[in-house]
Protein backbone atom coordinates (compact mmCIF):
# COMPACT_ATOMS: atom_id res chain seq x y z
CA MET A 1 3.89 8.44 -14.44
CA LYS A 2 0.51 9.02 -16.53
CA LEU A 3 -0.83 6.24 -17.73
CA ASP A 4 -2.72 6.74 -21.04
CA THR A 5 -5.14 3.73 -21.93
CA LYS A 6 -6.15 5.02 -25.11
CA SER A 7 -4.03 3.00 -27.99
CA LEU A 8 -5.11 -0.08 -26.14
CA ARG A 9 -8.26 -0.13 -28.13
CA TYR A 10 -6.51 0.03 -31.45
CA LEU A 11 -3.94 -3.20 -30.60
CA ASN A 12 -5.29 -6.47 -32.41
CA ASN A 13 -3.63 -9.51 -31.80
CA ALA A 14 -0.89 -9.53 -33.75
CA ASP A 15 0.06 -6.29 -32.00
CA TRP A 16 0.11 -7.77 -28.93
CA LYS A 17 2.13 -11.45 -29.88
CA VAL A 18 4.64 -8.60 -30.96
CA LEU A 19 4.94 -6.66 -27.80
CA THR A 20 5.14 -10.20 -25.94
CA ALA A 21 7.63 -10.99 -28.28
CA VAL A 22 9.64 -7.99 -27.23
CA GLU A 23 8.98 -8.88 -23.74
CA ARG A 24 10.20 -12.65 -23.91
CA GLY A 25 13.51 -11.31 -25.81
CA SER A 26 14.22 -8.65 -23.21
CA SER A 27 14.96 -11.12 -20.86
CA ASN A 28 18.72 -11.87 -22.74
CA HIS A 29 18.77 -8.83 -24.58
CA GLU A 30 18.79 -5.33 -23.70
CA VAL A 31 17.95 -4.67 -27.81
CA VAL A 32 15.52 -6.97 -28.68
CA PRO A 33 16.99 -8.02 -32.60
CA THR A 34 13.81 -7.21 -35.16
CA PRO A 35 14.11 -10.87 -36.87
CA LEU A 36 14.39 -12.00 -33.37
CA ILE A 37 10.84 -10.54 -32.51
CA ALA A 38 9.46 -11.73 -35.93
CA THR A 39 10.28 -15.50 -34.41
CA LEU A 40 8.87 -15.10 -31.11
CA ALA A 41 5.73 -13.62 -32.87
CA LYS A 42 5.74 -16.54 -35.63
CA SER A 43 4.58 -14.47 -38.16
CA SER A 44 6.59 -12.40 -41.23
CA LEU A 45 8.88 -10.14 -40.66
CA GLY A 46 6.15 -8.29 -42.91
CA ASP A 47 3.50 -8.34 -40.98
CA VAL A 48 5.86 -7.62 -37.86
CA GLN A 49 7.31 -4.42 -39.31
CA ARG A 50 3.20 -2.93 -39.02
CA SER A 51 3.21 -3.77 -35.72
CA ILE A 52 6.48 -2.44 -34.47
CA SER A 53 5.38 0.99 -36.37
CA LEU A 54 2.17 1.22 -34.32
CA LEU A 55 3.89 -0.26 -31.28
CA ALA A 56 6.60 2.75 -31.45
CA ARG A 57 4.13 5.70 -32.12
CA SER A 58 2.64 4.24 -29.13
CA ASN A 59 5.74 4.68 -27.11
CA LEU A 60 5.19 0.98 -25.70
CA ILE A 61 8.43 -0.04 -27.68
CA ALA A 62 11.45 1.89 -28.49
CA LYS A 63 14.30 2.08 -31.07
CA VAL A 64 17.86 2.67 -29.29
CA ALA A 65 19.69 4.93 -31.68
CA THR A 66 23.27 3.65 -29.90
CA ALA A 67 22.49 -0.17 -30.92
CA LYS A 68 25.19 -1.68 -33.81
CA TYR A 69 21.82 -3.75 -35.02
CA ASP A 70 18.05 -2.82 -36.11
CA GLY A 71 16.30 -3.89 -33.25
CA TYR A 72 13.87 -2.35 -30.06
CA ARG A 73 13.49 -2.43 -26.61
CA LEU A 74 10.29 -2.78 -24.37
CA THR A 75 9.50 0.28 -22.68
CA TYR A 76 7.63 0.56 -19.13
CA GLY A 77 4.38 1.82 -20.76
CA GLY A 78 4.71 -1.50 -22.59
CA LEU A 79 4.94 -3.42 -19.93
CA ASP A 80 2.17 -1.47 -18.57
CA TYR A 81 -0.15 -2.66 -21.31
CA LEU A 82 0.99 -5.94 -20.65
CA ALA A 83 -0.18 -6.49 -18.11
CA LEU A 84 -3.57 -4.61 -18.28
CA HIS A 85 -4.41 -7.08 -20.83
CA GLY A 86 -3.49 -9.95 -18.79
CA LEU A 87 -5.70 -8.65 -15.88
CA GLU A 88 -8.48 -7.67 -19.01
CA LYS A 89 -8.71 -11.58 -19.78
CA ASP A 90 -8.88 -12.44 -16.15
CA ASN A 91 -11.71 -10.09 -15.83
CA VAL A 92 -10.13 -7.98 -13.00
CA VAL A 93 -9.61 -4.93 -14.73
CA TYR A 94 -12.06 -3.33 -17.48
CA SER A 95 -11.42 0.43 -17.24
CA VAL A 96 -8.61 2.49 -15.96
CA GLY A 97 -9.01 6.53 -14.03
CA ASN A 98 -7.47 8.80 -12.51
CA GLN A 99 -4.18 7.84 -11.10
CA ILE A 100 -4.15 8.84 -7.22
CA GLY A 101 -0.39 7.94 -6.22
CA VAL A 102 2.83 8.25 -6.56
CA GLY A 103 5.78 6.94 -4.79
CA LYS A 104 9.03 5.89 -5.30
CA GLU A 105 7.73 2.08 -5.46
CA SER A 106 4.64 2.32 -7.29
CA ASP A 107 1.99 4.41 -8.95
CA ILE A 108 -1.63 3.86 -8.01
CA PHE A 109 -4.53 4.57 -10.43
CA VAL A 110 -7.78 3.79 -9.37
CA VAL A 111 -9.36 0.75 -11.74
CA SER A 112 -13.17 -0.78 -12.45
CA ASP A 113 -14.31 -4.51 -13.83
CA LYS A 114 -17.37 -4.84 -16.27
CA LYS A 115 -19.61 -4.62 -13.42
CA GLY A 116 -18.66 -1.50 -12.48
CA ARG A 117 -17.12 -2.31 -8.68
CA VAL A 118 -14.19 0.16 -8.28
CA SER A 119 -10.97 -0.71 -7.05
CA PHE A 120 -7.24 0.42 -7.30
CA LYS A 121 -4.47 -0.41 -9.22
CA LYS A 122 -0.51 -0.87 -7.80
CA GLY A 123 2.38 -0.71 -10.33
CA VAL A 124 5.58 -1.78 -8.81
CA LYS A 125 8.81 0.37 -10.61
CA ASN A 126 12.03 -0.41 -10.03
CA LYS A 127 14.99 1.67 -11.19
CA ARG A 128 16.05 0.33 -14.94
CA ASP A 129 19.25 -1.98 -14.25
CA TYR A 130 20.05 -4.38 -17.46
CA ALA A 131 21.11 -7.63 -16.72
CA LYS A 132 25.47 -7.82 -16.97
CA THR A 133 26.34 -11.45 -16.43
CA ARG A 134 25.64 -13.73 -18.81
CA THR A 135 23.76 -15.80 -15.65
CA GLN A 136 21.83 -12.44 -15.04
CA LYS A 137 20.91 -12.51 -19.14
CA GLU A 138 19.91 -16.31 -18.85
CA ARG A 139 17.62 -15.73 -15.99
CA GLY A 140 17.07 -11.88 -15.77
CA ALA A 141 17.55 -11.79 -12.47
CA GLY A 142 18.85 -8.37 -12.59
CA SER A 143 16.13 -7.02 -14.97
CA TRP A 144 14.00 -4.09 -13.95
CA MET A 145 11.16 -6.17 -15.75
CA TYR A 146 12.29 -9.31 -13.65
CA MET A 147 12.68 -7.38 -10.13
CA SER A 148 9.53 -5.11 -10.58
CA ARG A 149 7.10 -8.72 -11.12
CA LEU A 150 9.10 -10.38 -7.93
CA ALA A 151 7.99 -6.99 -5.92
CA ALA A 152 4.12 -7.62 -7.01
CA THR A 153 4.36 -11.37 -6.63
CA LYS A 154 5.78 -10.95 -3.04
CA GLU A 155 3.39 -8.24 -2.68
CA TYR A 156 0.48 -9.95 -3.59
CA ALA A 157 1.54 -13.37 -2.40
CA PHE A 158 1.44 -12.35 1.20
CA MET A 159 -1.62 -10.12 0.97
CA THR A 160 -3.58 -12.89 -0.04
CA ALA A 161 -1.84 -14.93 3.03
CA LEU A 162 -2.37 -12.25 5.42
CA ARG A 163 -6.36 -11.75 4.31
CA GLU A 164 -6.88 -15.70 4.80
CA ALA A 165 -5.62 -15.22 8.08
CA GLY A 166 -7.46 -12.83 8.76
CA VAL A 167 -5.38 -10.10 9.05
CA GLU A 168 -6.87 -6.26 7.94
CA VAL A 169 -5.47 -5.84 4.38
CA PRO A 170 -6.82 -4.85 1.26
CA VAL A 171 -8.15 -7.13 -0.34
CA PRO A 172 -6.28 -8.82 -3.38
CA LEU A 173 -8.24 -8.98 -6.36
CA GLY A 174 -5.44 -10.09 -9.42
CA GLN A 175 -1.58 -10.01 -10.31
CA ASN A 176 0.06 -9.78 -13.33
CA ARG A 177 3.67 -8.97 -14.07
CA HIS A 178 4.37 -5.98 -12.49
CA GLN A 179 0.81 -4.95 -11.80
CA ILE A 180 -1.42 -5.50 -8.30
CA VAL A 181 -5.34 -4.86 -8.44
CA MET A 182 -7.14 -4.78 -4.93
CA SER A 183 -9.61 -3.38 -2.96
CA LEU A 184 -9.85 0.04 -2.16
CA VAL A 185 -9.64 1.15 1.61
CA ASP A 186 -12.33 3.50 2.89
CA GLY A 187 -10.11 5.31 5.06
CA PHE A 188 -6.82 7.60 5.65
CA PRO A 189 -2.95 6.99 6.25
CA LEU A 190 -2.17 7.15 9.98
CA ARG A 191 -0.05 10.05 9.03
CA GLN A 192 -2.93 12.28 8.28
CA ILE A 193 -5.24 11.77 11.47
CA GLU A 194 -3.96 14.50 13.95
CA GLU A 195 -6.07 13.27 16.32
CA VAL A 196 -7.11 10.28 18.25
CA PRO A 197 -10.02 9.77 20.97
CA ASP A 198 -7.82 6.79 22.56
CA PRO A 199 -4.21 6.65 21.39
CA ALA A 200 -3.25 3.93 24.08
CA GLY A 201 -5.79 1.50 22.41
CA LEU A 202 -4.37 2.45 18.99
CA TYR A 203 -0.76 2.53 20.34
CA ALA A 204 -1.51 -1.34 21.61
CA GLU A 205 -3.83 -2.76 18.49
CA LEU A 206 -0.94 -1.72 16.36
CA ILE A 207 1.79 -3.19 18.35
CA SER A 208 -0.67 -6.31 18.84
CA ILE A 209 -0.51 -6.09 14.88
CA ILE A 210 3.42 -6.52 14.75
CA VAL A 211 3.12 -9.37 17.21
CA ARG A 212 0.01 -11.36 15.71
CA LEU A 213 2.03 -10.62 12.57
CA ALA A 214 5.33 -12.56 14.04
CA HIS A 215 2.91 -15.09 15.46
CA LEU A 216 2.37 -15.95 11.84
CA GLY A 217 6.16 -16.26 11.11
CA LEU A 218 6.28 -13.01 9.36
CA ILE A 219 7.75 -9.20 10.06
CA HIS A 220 6.56 -6.33 7.90
CA GLY A 221 9.76 -4.50 7.43
CA ASP A 222 8.37 -0.97 7.10
CA PHE A 223 5.32 -1.43 9.75
CA ASN A 224 5.26 3.01 10.32
CA GLU A 225 2.56 5.74 9.86
CA PHE A 226 2.88 5.93 5.96
CA ASN A 227 1.62 1.71 5.68
CA ILE A 228 -1.31 2.26 8.43
CA MET A 229 -4.61 3.10 6.98
CA ILE A 230 -7.12 3.85 9.63
CA LYS A 231 -10.75 3.50 8.55
CA GLU A 232 -14.05 4.09 10.50
CA VAL A 233 -16.59 1.21 11.36
CA ASP A 234 -19.72 1.67 13.86
CA GLY A 235 -18.96 0.05 16.83
CA GLN A 236 -21.46 -0.36 20.45
CA ASP A 237 -23.26 2.39 21.69
CA SER A 238 -23.46 4.22 18.52
CA LYS A 239 -19.57 4.87 18.64
CA VAL A 240 -16.87 4.90 15.69
CA ASP A 241 -14.44 2.35 16.08
CA LEU A 242 -10.70 3.20 14.32
CA VAL A 243 -9.78 -0.23 12.54
CA PRO A 244 -6.09 -0.61 11.30
CA VAL A 245 -6.09 -1.41 7.67
CA VAL A 246 -1.89 -2.95 7.04
CA ILE A 247 -0.86 -2.24 3.41
CA ASP A 248 2.83 -2.11 1.37
CA PHE A 249 3.53 -5.75 1.66
CA PRO A 250 7.51 -5.83 -0.52
CA GLN A 251 10.05 -5.66 2.59
CA MET A 252 8.34 -8.17 4.68
CA VAL A 253 10.41 -10.56 5.77
CA SER A 254 10.75 -13.63 8.12
CA ILE A 255 11.35 -14.26 11.50
CA ASP A 256 13.91 -16.44 10.83
CA HIS A 257 15.32 -14.05 8.43
CA ALA A 258 19.13 -12.86 9.52
CA ASN A 259 18.44 -9.43 10.54
CA ALA A 260 15.19 -10.34 11.76
CA ASP A 261 15.60 -8.73 15.74
CA TYR A 262 16.74 -5.72 13.26
CA TYR A 263 13.30 -5.45 11.57
CA PHE A 264 10.91 -6.41 14.26
CA ASP A 265 12.39 -3.30 16.88
CA ARG A 266 12.49 -1.20 14.34
CA ASP A 267 8.73 -1.75 13.31
CA VAL A 268 8.38 -1.09 17.00
CA ASP A 269 10.25 1.79 17.27
CA CYS A 270 8.82 3.48 14.33
CA ILE A 271 5.45 3.16 16.11
CA LYS A 272 6.26 4.25 19.71
CA ARG A 273 8.25 7.20 18.27
CA TYR A 274 5.31 8.45 16.07
CA PHE A 275 2.68 8.20 18.72
CA LEU A 276 4.79 9.90 21.42
CA ARG A 277 5.78 12.94 18.34
CA ARG A 278 2.25 13.06 17.14
CA TYR A 279 -0.22 12.38 20.56
CA GLY A 280 2.27 13.15 23.05
CA PHE A 281 1.47 9.06 24.40
CA GLU A 282 4.00 7.06 25.51
CA SER A 283 3.45 3.40 26.75
CA ASP A 284 5.33 2.70 29.86
CA GLU A 285 5.43 -1.18 28.89
CA ALA A 286 9.20 -2.06 27.36
CA GLY A 287 9.34 -4.39 24.23
CA PRO A 288 7.33 -6.09 22.75
CA TYR A 289 10.89 -8.16 21.44
CA LEU A 290 11.09 -10.83 18.87
CA ASN A 291 12.74 -13.27 20.96
CA GLU A 292 9.78 -13.26 23.38
CA VAL A 293 7.23 -14.22 20.26
CA LYS A 294 9.20 -17.11 19.50
CA LYS A 295 9.50 -18.70 22.82
CA ALA A 296 5.24 -18.47 23.10
CA ILE A 297 5.89 -19.92 19.43
CA ALA A 298 7.59 -22.62 20.21
CA LYS A 299 5.19 -23.46 23.25
CA ASP A 300 2.19 -23.74 20.43
CA PRO A 301 3.06 -26.74 17.96
CA SER A 302 -0.20 -25.84 16.12
CA SER A 303 0.89 -22.17 15.33
CA LYS A 304 0.51 -21.06 11.73
CA ARG A 305 3.54 -20.15 9.48
CA LEU A 306 2.68 -17.73 6.40
CA ASP A 307 6.42 -17.62 5.92
CA THR A 308 6.17 -21.26 5.07
CA LYS A 309 3.12 -21.26 3.00
CA VAL A 310 4.20 -18.01 0.91
CA GLU A 311 7.23 -20.07 0.01
CA ALA A 312 4.66 -23.21 -1.03
CA SER A 313 2.66 -20.79 -2.82
CA GLY A 314 5.44 -19.93 -5.25
CA PHE A 315 7.53 -17.24 -4.21
CA SER A 316 10.64 -19.30 -3.55
CA LYS A 317 13.86 -18.26 -0.75
CA LYS A 318 15.81 -17.73 -4.30
CA MET A 319 13.57 -15.04 -5.39
CA SER A 320 12.98 -13.47 -2.05
CA LYS A 321 17.01 -13.18 -1.80
CA ASP A 322 17.23 -11.47 -5.54
CA LEU A 323 14.67 -9.11 -4.90
CA ALA A 324 16.21 -8.42 -1.42
CA THR A 325 19.67 -7.87 -2.67
CA TYR A 326 18.14 -5.80 -5.48
CA MET A 327 16.03 -3.34 -3.15
CA LYS A 328 18.95 -2.83 -0.90
CA GLU A 329 21.29 -2.45 -3.76
CA HIS A 330 19.14 0.60 -4.85
CA GLY A 331 17.86 1.73 -1.25
CA ILE A 332 14.51 0.83 -0.98
CA ASP A 333 14.99 -0.87 2.18
CA GLY A 334 12.42 0.82 4.17
CA ASP A 335 14.14 3.94 6.96
CA LYS A 336 16.91 2.10 7.55
CA VAL A 337 19.90 4.80 7.68
CA GLU A 338 23.18 4.15 5.57
CA GLY A 339 25.56 2.06 8.03
CA GLY A 340 22.46 0.57 10.01
CA ASP A 341 22.92 2.84 12.79
CA SER A 342 19.41 2.76 14.28
CA SER A 343 20.00 6.06 15.55
CA GLY A 344 19.36 7.99 12.83
CA ASP A 345 15.78 6.49 12.45
CA SER A 346 13.42 8.82 13.21
CA GLU A 347 15.12 11.43 10.58
CA ALA A 348 15.19 8.32 8.06
CA VAL A 349 11.67 8.01 8.54
CA GLU A 350 10.81 11.91 8.11
CA GLU A 351 13.07 11.82 4.96
CA GLU A 352 11.21 9.08 3.61
CA GLY A 353 7.86 10.06 4.28
CA GLU A 354 8.69 13.69 2.39
CA GLU A 355 9.86 11.48 -0.62
CA GLY A 356 6.33 10.08 -0.11
CA GLU A 357 4.37 12.79 0.51
CA GLU A 358 3.19 12.84 -3.15
CA GLU A 359 1.39 9.30 -3.15
CA GLU A 360 0.11 9.47 0.59
CA GLU A 361 -1.66 12.68 -0.19
CA GLY A 362 -3.14 11.74 -3.58
CA HIS A 363 -4.16 8.54 -1.78
CA ASP A 364 -5.64 11.37 1.13
CA GLU A 365 -7.44 12.98 -1.31
CA HIS A 366 -9.04 10.15 -3.14
CA THR A 367 -10.24 8.01 -0.03
CA ASN A 368 -12.00 11.52 1.54
CA GLU A 369 -14.48 10.53 -1.75
CA ALA A 370 -17.58 9.08 -0.61
CA ILE A 371 -17.92 6.86 -3.55
CA ARG A 372 -14.38 6.20 -3.73
CA THR A 373 -13.98 7.38 -7.74
CA HIS A 374 -11.65 10.38 -7.07
CA GLU A 375 -13.87 12.53 -8.73
CA ILE A 376 -13.53 10.70 -11.80
CA GLY A 377 -15.35 12.08 -15.15
CA THR A 378 -15.60 10.39 -18.59
CA GLU A 379 -13.00 12.01 -20.16
CA ASP A 380 -10.78 10.40 -17.54
CA PHE A 381 -12.30 7.22 -16.76
CA LEU A 382 -11.67 5.33 -20.50
CA ASN A 383 -13.21 2.04 -20.99
CA LYS A 384 -11.22 0.12 -23.21
CA GLN A 385 -12.67 -2.12 -26.30
CA ASP A 386 -12.41 -5.83 -26.46
CA THR A 387 -9.50 -6.28 -29.13
């Protein structure tokens, strides 16, 4: 989905209040009544109508023809604008550039702050599923906006905790609603690297990351060649070292999860299968196994549990359960095949790769640019005027 930021410069404070009012009303209305929009915006109906007209022309809100009353719903573009406006006020994002990735769970854009520093923005997207029950409507647990926000909140929380723990992940720069801003990774997805000088060494490092995450109380849940970036750094004796950077965390779970062993084994098996298939390397060592990691954790009372830390930061078990249920219902569950038959995991990974092909290819093209701008020209890199 193309993000058109041209209308950002034309919105004034009254327009933002109306757009925010539609968002607030969407928590318990599929179509927000116009009088309610005026009430939530604390403005007269006449003033609100002017803003509604502008927002509708910009496709930020939409009138529902089948509605039994006069009202509007928030579009995904409207949610994008609200998130960008929040990130702009936090001085995280100033301008938006090219879209560099499209996946089944997110859209990725290059962005810049006021100092011209380039990073990228990931907008989490979920299939629209309006609240059905009264309880869901009251809490918004079944809405696409709520679930998109949860996915972004979870990813940002885990990325922040992992970065602080010294794990190689992108630098988290900001999060608002369903959007996350993080640093660019100067590298390539593992799946794009045809040869590596030391397959055994890289394999051992990736397995050690899985084990280290488990020692921190976490399992990635989707640890495969699509979610591992490889960057080159200068090593000793003029050698170039390959450093893995882990990305994509919405499916991360605690080692206390009911299916923790399954997810841990799946992450390990994904790496084993890929290295055998791509590089012809097969480890002669069995495992590792989660029960071994848990035994090591039990012997070390000083072990840091990031799953507990993230929960304490505000992403609760209830939020995690809501998101996990939603993702499972909509088939967003890593490479797990229907029925849980792990024998089909390899084929499932290949199918997911085909579906995510466009996203990764776009990112490859971008990461190959020395200045990390993906050929952004003045016509694409639109500076927003302060509103």
